[in-house]
Amino acid sequence: MKQFPKDFLWGVSISSYQTEGNNFNSDWYAWEQKGKTKDKSENACDYWNRFRSDHDFLSELGVNAFRLSLEWSRIEPEEGKFSDEAIRHYREIIQDLKSRNIKTVVTFWHYTSPIWFQEKYGFHKKEAIEIFSRYGKKITDDLGDLIDVAVIINEPVMPLIFGFLLGKFPPGKINPVSFLQASSNLAESYIEIFKYIKEKRKNIPVGVSNLYNFFEPKNKRNPIHKLWVWAGKKIWNEHFISKIKNHMDYFGLDYYFHNRMGCFGTNNENKRVTEMGWEIYPEGIYAVLKEINQKYKLPVYILENGIADSQDKQRSEFIEDHVACVRKAIEDGVDVRGYFYWSLMDNFEWLHGYRPRFGLIEIDYKTLERKPRRSFYAYKKIIENNGLDE
């Protein structure tokens, strides 16, 4: 058996908006009301009220870490007015995890903002730096004692590109100038929060999670293919991280995509795909781990890696194959500290609504009944063994 390091973090991830339900004060809720998503989130998984019983599944699964996020619109429902009730409830949620000896990986901002922020400011406005930093400092002051790893921003490339270049996420802009402004402001506010945490809670590792794709040329000798790879890396993998690379304690990796670039963009063979139509390519996680190690020389937490698979036919093999590639990367010198499967349970998948099923636990959205899938127990076995059977 090839075991992982003894302190390796085995975890699963969720986000607040996708699971809590009834986040009516969020810009994404307003986005749904405009008909921009396939479904409306409404009750979602009702994790807000069912967190203890959901944490029972974590205990059964045997994870030693859990990634969750905080909903800014609950914590600061009105500009400058923070909700003691919401903060108290998040303390209950996080303390319940701590009581189970589960390390807490807490995301401060997972795509969603209060409606007042989006209507009055938005990240393309300079005032956003002070406003978002104030929120981050509040979290540090009121919840920092319970946080083991801080993830300030989730996948910044997604809300920046989809929100300011493609118009598909809030605030729905198609404006390169706004995109550049928002990128700079988000990075500047991140650095301010990073410095504050280092001052107040210096033992908390701080970073972001990066949607980091594996780009390779279809033909390594073709200059156009190589140019596409260069552009893909610059835009998706490096645009934001280059602004904050000197203010990260670790590299947070979200790995989902392999892009074999031809003359007209992605040209994958797609021998195996998920229900989202995404290629299954575990070799890519090894390649990006090696690339990240060489480029950034930081410890790595794999904060998301998952598959939409409603019939649970591919998920067990998907996890095993990716974990095997992670193990190979560790053997080859990459300092990987943890692996988090996305997601603990089925949830609201943004523009796609409730159709995609990423969960180790199946959710019946009519009754909200939870039912662990076969892959739940396959992952449990990996965790128990701290590795894969030979």
Protein backbone atom coordinates (compact mmCIF):
# COMPACT_ATOMS: atom_id res chain seq x y z
CA MET A 1 0.00 0.00 0.00
CA LYS A 2 1.29 3.45 -0.92
CA GLN A 3 0.44 5.58 2.07
CA PHE A 4 0.34 9.36 2.23
CA PRO A 5 2.25 11.49 4.78
CA LYS A 6 0.92 10.93 8.30
CA ASP A 7 -0.41 14.49 8.71
CA PHE A 8 -2.06 14.56 5.27
CA LEU A 9 -5.47 16.24 5.22
CA TRP A 10 -8.26 14.15 3.74
CA GLY A 11 -11.32 16.31 3.26
CA VAL A 12 -14.41 17.32 1.35
CA SER A 13 -15.62 20.77 0.35
CA ILE A 14 -18.86 22.74 0.17
CA SER A 15 -19.77 26.41 -0.23
CA SER A 16 -22.30 28.42 1.73
CA TYR A 17 -24.48 29.67 -1.12
CA GLN A 18 -24.63 26.28 -2.82
CA THR A 19 -25.78 24.42 0.30
CA GLU A 20 -27.17 26.71 3.03
CA GLY A 21 -30.38 27.84 1.34
CA ASN A 22 -32.37 31.05 1.55
CA ASN A 23 -29.51 33.48 1.00
CA PHE A 24 -31.99 36.09 -0.22
CA ASN A 25 -29.68 39.05 0.35
CA SER A 26 -27.03 37.83 -2.11
CA ASP A 27 -26.29 39.14 -5.59
CA TRP A 28 -26.60 35.57 -6.88
CA TYR A 29 -30.15 35.33 -5.56
CA ALA A 30 -30.96 38.53 -7.46
CA TRP A 31 -29.27 36.99 -10.51
CA GLU A 32 -31.54 33.96 -10.26
CA GLN A 33 -34.64 36.16 -10.11
CA LYS A 34 -33.61 37.62 -13.47
CA GLY A 35 -33.78 34.13 -14.98
CA LYS A 36 -30.03 33.83 -15.44
CA THR A 37 -29.79 30.30 -13.97
CA LYS A 38 -31.49 27.00 -14.82
CA ASP A 39 -33.00 26.75 -11.32
CA LYS A 40 -33.48 28.97 -8.29
CA SER A 41 -31.49 28.02 -5.22
CA GLU A 42 -34.31 28.53 -2.65
CA ASN A 43 -33.70 26.01 0.20
CA ALA A 44 -30.66 24.48 -1.49
CA CYS A 45 -29.59 21.65 0.90
CA ASP A 46 -30.67 23.52 4.05
CA TYR A 47 -27.19 23.06 5.49
CA TRP A 48 -27.77 26.25 7.52
CA ASN A 49 -30.22 24.32 9.72
CA ARG A 50 -28.98 20.76 9.22
CA PHE A 51 -25.24 21.29 9.69
CA ARG A 52 -24.94 18.98 12.73
CA SER A 53 -26.52 16.01 11.00
CA ASP A 54 -24.47 16.77 7.87
CA HIS A 55 -21.36 16.81 10.05
CA ASP A 56 -22.36 13.35 11.28
CA PHE A 57 -21.67 12.20 7.72
CA LEU A 58 -18.21 13.79 7.95
CA SER A 59 -17.54 11.75 11.07
CA GLU A 60 -18.74 8.59 9.35
CA LEU A 61 -16.60 9.35 6.31
CA GLY A 62 -13.59 9.82 8.57
CA VAL A 63 -12.26 13.07 7.11
CA ASN A 64 -9.83 15.08 9.24
CA ALA A 65 -10.57 18.36 7.42
CA PHE A 66 -13.56 20.16 5.95
CA ARG A 67 -13.69 23.13 3.62
CA LEU A 68 -16.72 25.40 3.99
CA SER A 69 -17.41 29.04 3.22
CA LEU A 70 -19.01 32.07 4.82
CA GLU A 71 -21.82 34.07 3.24
CA TRP A 72 -20.89 37.75 3.22
CA SER A 73 -24.53 38.79 2.68
CA ARG A 74 -25.54 37.10 5.95
CA ILE A 75 -22.65 38.57 7.91
CA GLU A 76 -22.99 42.13 6.58
CA PRO A 77 -26.65 42.39 5.45
CA GLU A 78 -26.44 46.19 5.33
CA GLU A 79 -23.41 48.28 4.51
CA GLY A 80 -21.27 48.64 7.63
CA LYS A 81 -23.76 46.76 9.83
CA PHE A 82 -22.62 43.29 10.85
CA SER A 83 -24.99 40.61 12.08
CA ASP A 84 -24.04 39.22 15.49
CA GLU A 85 -26.62 36.49 14.97
CA ALA A 86 -25.06 35.28 11.70
CA ILE A 87 -21.55 35.36 13.14
CA ARG A 88 -22.76 33.46 16.21
CA HIS A 89 -24.36 30.83 13.97
CA TYR A 90 -21.16 30.41 11.95
CA ARG A 91 -19.28 30.00 15.23
CA GLU A 92 -21.66 27.16 16.11
CA ILE A 93 -21.06 25.51 12.74
CA ILE A 94 -17.28 25.77 12.96
CA GLN A 95 -17.14 24.81 16.65
CA ASP A 96 -19.11 21.67 15.85
CA LEU A 97 -16.40 20.71 13.38
CA LYS A 98 -13.67 21.45 15.91
CA SER A 99 -15.46 19.29 18.51
CA ARG A 100 -15.18 16.39 16.04
CA ASN A 101 -11.43 16.99 15.66
CA ILE A 102 -11.94 18.13 12.06
CA LYS A 103 -9.63 20.88 10.80
CA THR A 104 -11.48 23.88 9.40
CA VAL A 105 -10.60 25.28 5.99
CA VAL A 106 -12.69 28.43 5.74
CA THR A 107 -13.37 30.37 2.54
CA PHE A 108 -14.20 34.03 3.11
CA TRP A 109 -15.64 34.73 -0.37
CA HIS A 110 -17.00 32.02 -2.66
CA TYR A 111 -18.39 34.05 -5.62
CA THR A 112 -21.24 35.78 -3.76
CA SER A 113 -21.61 39.34 -2.45
CA PRO A 114 -24.38 41.27 -0.70
CA ILE A 115 -26.87 42.92 -3.04
CA TRP A 116 -26.03 46.35 -1.60
CA PHE A 117 -22.36 45.85 -2.49
CA GLN A 118 -23.08 44.84 -6.06
CA GLU A 119 -25.62 47.64 -6.63
CA LYS A 120 -23.56 50.43 -5.08
CA TYR A 121 -19.99 49.30 -5.74
CA GLY A 122 -18.80 46.06 -7.33
CA PHE A 123 -15.17 44.99 -7.44
CA HIS A 124 -14.45 47.26 -10.41
CA LYS A 125 -14.90 50.29 -8.11
CA LYS A 126 -11.93 51.43 -6.02
CA GLU A 127 -14.08 51.61 -2.87
CA ALA A 128 -14.39 47.81 -3.02
CA ILE A 129 -10.88 47.46 -1.62
CA GLU A 130 -11.77 49.06 1.70
CA ILE A 131 -15.20 47.43 1.89
CA PHE A 132 -14.06 43.86 1.17
CA SER A 133 -11.00 44.28 3.40
CA ARG A 134 -13.25 45.43 6.25
CA TYR A 135 -15.30 42.25 5.87
CA GLY A 136 -12.15 40.08 5.85
CA LYS A 137 -10.83 41.79 8.98
CA LYS A 138 -14.18 41.26 10.72
CA ILE A 139 -14.00 37.53 9.98
CA THR A 140 -10.45 37.40 11.31
CA ASP A 141 -11.44 39.17 14.54
CA ASP A 142 -14.65 37.24 15.22
CA LEU A 143 -13.94 33.76 13.82
CA GLY A 144 -10.18 33.59 13.39
CA ASP A 145 -9.66 31.57 16.58
CA LEU A 146 -11.59 28.69 14.95
CA ILE A 147 -9.93 28.76 11.51
CA ASP A 148 -7.13 26.32 10.69
CA VAL A 149 -6.61 27.36 7.04
CA ALA A 150 -7.94 30.57 5.48
CA VAL A 151 -9.01 30.67 1.83
CA ILE A 152 -9.76 34.35 1.23
CA ILE A 153 -11.09 34.03 -2.33
CA ASN A 154 -12.46 31.05 -4.25
CA GLU A 155 -11.33 30.73 -7.87
CA PRO A 156 -10.94 34.47 -8.60
CA VAL A 157 -10.60 33.76 -12.32
CA MET A 158 -14.26 32.67 -12.53
CA PRO A 159 -16.10 35.73 -11.14
CA LEU A 160 -13.60 38.01 -12.88
CA ILE A 161 -13.85 36.50 -16.36
CA PHE A 162 -17.50 35.43 -16.18
CA GLY A 163 -18.61 38.56 -14.34
CA PHE A 164 -16.65 41.25 -16.16
CA LEU A 165 -15.72 39.83 -19.59
CA LEU A 166 -18.45 37.32 -20.50
CA GLY A 167 -21.43 38.77 -18.62
CA LYS A 168 -22.61 35.39 -17.31
CA PHE A 169 -22.00 35.95 -13.57
CA PRO A 170 -22.94 38.99 -11.51
CA PRO A 171 -22.51 41.88 -12.20
CA GLY A 172 -23.01 40.79 -15.82
CA LYS A 173 -20.51 43.11 -17.48
CA ILE A 174 -18.73 42.66 -20.81
CA ASN A 175 -16.03 45.25 -20.29
CA PRO A 176 -12.24 44.60 -20.42
CA VAL A 177 -11.51 47.81 -18.49
CA SER A 178 -13.83 46.76 -15.66
CA PHE A 179 -12.23 43.32 -15.73
CA LEU A 180 -8.75 44.78 -15.19
CA GLN A 181 -10.00 47.16 -12.51
CA ALA A 182 -11.81 44.37 -10.65
CA SER A 183 -8.73 42.11 -10.87
CA SER A 184 -6.50 44.78 -9.36
CA ASN A 185 -8.97 45.74 -6.64
CA LEU A 186 -9.65 42.15 -5.63
CA ALA A 187 -5.91 41.45 -5.46
CA GLU A 188 -5.23 44.60 -3.44
CA SER A 189 -7.97 43.79 -0.93
CA TYR A 190 -6.67 40.22 -0.66
CA ILE A 191 -3.19 41.47 0.20
CA GLU A 192 -4.63 43.80 2.84
CA ILE A 193 -6.56 40.92 4.45
CA PHE A 194 -3.48 38.67 4.21
CA LYS A 195 -1.36 41.22 6.08
CA TYR A 196 -4.06 41.70 8.72
CA ILE A 197 -4.30 37.95 9.39
CA LYS A 198 -0.51 37.70 9.61
CA GLU A 199 -0.60 40.46 12.21
CA LYS A 200 -3.54 39.14 14.26
CA ARG A 201 -3.50 35.37 13.67
CA LYS A 202 -0.05 34.64 12.32
CA ASN A 203 -0.38 30.86 12.68
CA ILE A 204 -3.21 30.63 10.14
CA PRO A 205 -1.97 29.69 6.63
CA VAL A 206 -3.55 32.12 4.14
CA GLY A 207 -4.15 31.82 0.39
CA VAL A 208 -6.76 31.50 -2.32
CA SER A 209 -8.08 28.55 -4.30
CA ASN A 210 -7.07 28.62 -7.95
CA LEU A 211 -8.93 27.03 -10.84
CA TYR A 212 -5.73 25.82 -12.46
CA ASN A 213 -6.11 23.95 -15.76
CA PHE A 214 -3.63 21.67 -17.49
CA PHE A 215 -2.85 23.19 -20.88
CA GLU A 216 -0.74 21.35 -23.44
CA PRO A 217 -0.31 21.72 -27.22
CA LYS A 218 -1.90 19.11 -29.43
CA ASN A 219 1.25 19.26 -31.52
CA LYS A 220 4.32 20.35 -29.58
CA ARG A 221 6.00 21.58 -32.75
CA ASN A 222 3.11 23.74 -33.93
CA PRO A 223 3.68 27.40 -32.95
CA ILE A 224 -0.04 28.22 -33.04
CA HIS A 225 -0.81 25.38 -30.64
CA LYS A 226 1.97 26.57 -28.35
CA LEU A 227 0.64 30.14 -28.52
CA TRP A 228 -2.81 28.94 -27.43
CA VAL A 229 -1.22 27.15 -24.47
CA TRP A 230 0.69 30.29 -23.50
CA ALA A 231 -2.52 32.39 -23.69
CA GLY A 232 -4.54 29.85 -21.71
CA LYS A 233 -1.98 29.74 -18.93
CA LYS A 234 -1.65 33.51 -18.79
CA ILE A 235 -5.39 34.17 -18.61
CA TRP A 236 -6.73 31.23 -16.58
CA ASN A 237 -3.82 30.09 -14.44
CA GLU A 238 -1.65 33.14 -13.89
CA HIS A 239 -3.57 36.40 -14.39
CA PHE A 240 -4.71 36.80 -10.79
CA ILE A 241 -2.11 34.75 -8.97
CA SER A 242 0.71 36.86 -10.44
CA LYS A 243 -0.67 39.83 -8.49
CA ILE A 244 -0.55 38.12 -5.09
CA LYS A 245 2.20 35.51 -5.46
CA ASN A 246 4.35 37.12 -2.76
CA HIS A 247 1.48 36.97 -0.26
CA MET A 248 0.55 33.28 -0.15
CA ASP A 249 1.41 30.71 2.50
CA TYR A 250 0.28 27.84 0.27
CA PHE A 251 -1.02 27.20 -3.23
CA GLY A 252 -4.69 26.21 -3.27
CA LEU A 253 -5.52 24.07 -6.31
CA ASP A 254 -8.94 23.35 -7.81
CA TYR A 255 -8.38 20.87 -10.64
CA TYR A 256 -11.10 19.96 -13.14
CA PHE A 257 -9.91 20.68 -16.69
CA HIS A 258 -7.43 19.43 -19.26
CA ASN A 259 -7.08 21.53 -22.40
CA ARG A 260 -5.16 20.07 -25.35
CA MET A 261 -4.86 23.13 -27.56
CA GLY A 262 -5.08 22.97 -31.37
CA CYS A 263 -5.36 25.69 -34.00
CA PHE A 264 -8.93 26.53 -33.00
CA GLY A 265 -8.82 26.18 -29.22
CA THR A 266 -9.35 23.07 -27.12
CA ASN A 267 -8.99 19.80 -29.02
CA ASN A 268 -9.30 17.01 -26.43
CA GLU A 269 -9.79 13.36 -27.31
CA ASN A 270 -12.51 13.07 -24.64
CA LYS A 271 -12.24 9.31 -24.21
CA ARG A 272 -14.05 9.65 -20.87
CA VAL A 273 -16.26 12.56 -19.86
CA THR A 274 -18.40 13.59 -16.91
CA GLU A 275 -22.10 14.40 -17.13
CA MET A 276 -21.03 18.03 -17.58
CA GLY A 277 -19.17 16.97 -20.72
CA TRP A 278 -15.82 17.63 -19.04
CA GLU A 279 -12.96 15.32 -19.95
CA ILE A 280 -11.76 12.99 -17.19
CA TYR A 281 -7.99 13.31 -17.20
CA PRO A 282 -6.33 12.40 -13.87
CA GLU A 283 -2.85 12.66 -15.43
CA GLY A 284 -3.48 16.40 -15.57
CA ILE A 285 -3.48 16.77 -11.79
CA TYR A 286 0.02 15.27 -11.69
CA ALA A 287 1.17 17.63 -14.44
CA VAL A 288 -0.19 20.78 -12.78
CA LEU A 289 1.17 19.77 -9.36
CA LYS A 290 4.63 19.45 -10.89
CA GLU A 291 4.20 22.77 -12.69
CA ILE A 292 2.98 24.58 -9.55
CA ASN A 293 5.84 23.14 -7.52
CA GLN A 294 8.40 24.35 -10.02
CA LYS A 295 6.84 27.79 -10.46
CA TYR A 296 5.74 28.72 -6.92
CA LYS A 297 7.66 26.43 -4.55
CA LEU A 298 4.84 26.43 -1.99
CA PRO A 299 2.98 23.69 -0.10
CA VAL A 300 -0.14 22.69 -2.03
CA TYR A 301 -3.66 21.96 -0.83
CA ILE A 302 -5.93 20.39 -3.46
CA LEU A 303 -9.08 22.20 -2.34
CA GLU A 304 -11.41 20.90 -5.06
CA ASN A 305 -11.44 17.93 -7.40
CA GLY A 306 -14.71 16.28 -8.34
CA ILE A 307 -17.07 14.82 -10.91
CA ALA A 308 -20.73 15.25 -11.87
CA ASP A 309 -22.04 11.68 -11.90
CA SER A 310 -25.70 11.23 -10.99
CA GLN A 311 -25.58 7.43 -11.33
CA ASP A 312 -22.32 7.20 -9.34
CA LYS A 313 -20.82 4.96 -12.01
CA GLN A 314 -17.50 6.76 -12.41
CA ARG A 315 -16.90 8.61 -9.13
CA SER A 316 -15.07 5.91 -7.16
CA GLU A 317 -12.64 5.28 -10.01
CA PHE A 318 -12.32 9.04 -10.58
CA ILE A 319 -11.22 9.61 -6.98
CA GLU A 320 -8.88 6.61 -6.95
CA ASP A 321 -7.20 7.63 -10.22
CA HIS A 322 -6.70 11.24 -9.13
CA VAL A 323 -5.44 10.22 -5.68
CA ALA A 324 -2.94 7.86 -7.37
CA CYS A 325 -1.63 10.75 -9.45
CA VAL A 326 -1.39 12.95 -6.36
CA ARG A 327 0.61 10.22 -4.64
CA LYS A 328 2.97 10.06 -7.64
CA ALA A 329 3.48 13.84 -7.43
CA ILE A 330 4.35 13.57 -3.73
CA GLU A 331 6.85 10.80 -4.52
CA ASP A 332 8.38 13.11 -7.12
CA GLY A 333 8.94 15.89 -4.61
CA VAL A 334 5.75 17.99 -4.59
CA ASP A 335 4.75 19.11 -1.08
CA VAL A 336 1.03 18.27 -1.23
CA ARG A 337 -0.59 18.71 2.19
CA GLY A 338 -4.20 17.74 1.50
CA TYR A 339 -6.86 16.48 -0.92
CA PHE A 340 -10.48 17.69 -0.76
CA TYR A 341 -13.17 16.07 -2.89
CA TRP A 342 -15.87 18.36 -4.31
CA SER A 343 -18.41 17.90 -2.94
CA LEU A 344 -19.70 16.35 0.26
CA MET A 345 -23.23 16.46 -1.14
CA ASP A 346 -25.14 17.40 -4.25
CA ASN A 347 -25.76 21.13 -4.36
CA PHE A 348 -26.75 24.18 -6.38
CA GLU A 349 -24.28 24.34 -9.26
CA TRP A 350 -24.53 28.04 -10.17
CA LEU A 351 -25.70 28.59 -13.77
CA HIS A 352 -26.43 24.86 -14.15
CA GLY A 353 -28.84 24.69 -11.23
CA TYR A 354 -29.55 21.34 -9.58
CA ARG A 355 -28.95 18.98 -12.51
CA PRO A 356 -25.22 18.28 -11.93
CA ARG A 357 -24.62 15.78 -9.13
CA PHE A 358 -21.16 16.18 -7.61
CA GLY A 359 -21.92 14.77 -4.16
CA LEU A 360 -20.61 11.78 -2.29
CA ILE A 361 -24.05 12.09 -0.72
CA GLU A 362 -27.18 12.14 -2.87
CA ILE A 363 -29.78 14.81 -2.05
CA ASP A 364 -33.47 14.30 -2.75
CA TYR A 365 -34.40 17.94 -3.39
CA LYS A 366 -38.09 17.32 -2.70
CA THR A 367 -37.56 15.87 0.78
CA LEU A 368 -33.94 16.94 1.39
CA GLU A 369 -33.20 13.37 2.43
CA ARG A 370 -29.49 12.52 2.40
CA LYS A 371 -28.17 9.19 1.16
CA PRO A 372 -24.45 8.28 0.92
CA ARG A 373 -23.49 6.88 -2.46
CA ARG A 374 -21.23 3.88 -3.06
CA SER A 375 -18.37 6.31 -3.78
CA PHE A 376 -18.77 7.72 -0.25
CA TYR A 377 -17.57 4.36 1.07
CA ALA A 378 -14.84 4.07 -1.57
CA TYR A 379 -13.40 7.40 -0.40
CA LYS A 380 -13.88 6.36 3.24
CA LYS A 381 -11.65 3.34 2.59
CA ILE A 382 -8.91 5.55 1.11
CA ILE A 383 -9.07 7.80 4.16
CA GLU A 384 -8.96 4.87 6.60
CA ASN A 385 -5.91 3.43 4.82
CA ASN A 386 -4.30 6.87 4.34
CA GLY A 387 -3.76 5.77 0.77
CA LEU A 388 -4.67 3.30 -1.96
CA ASP A 389 -4.48 -0.47 -2.00
CA GLU A 390 -1.77 -1.73 -4.33
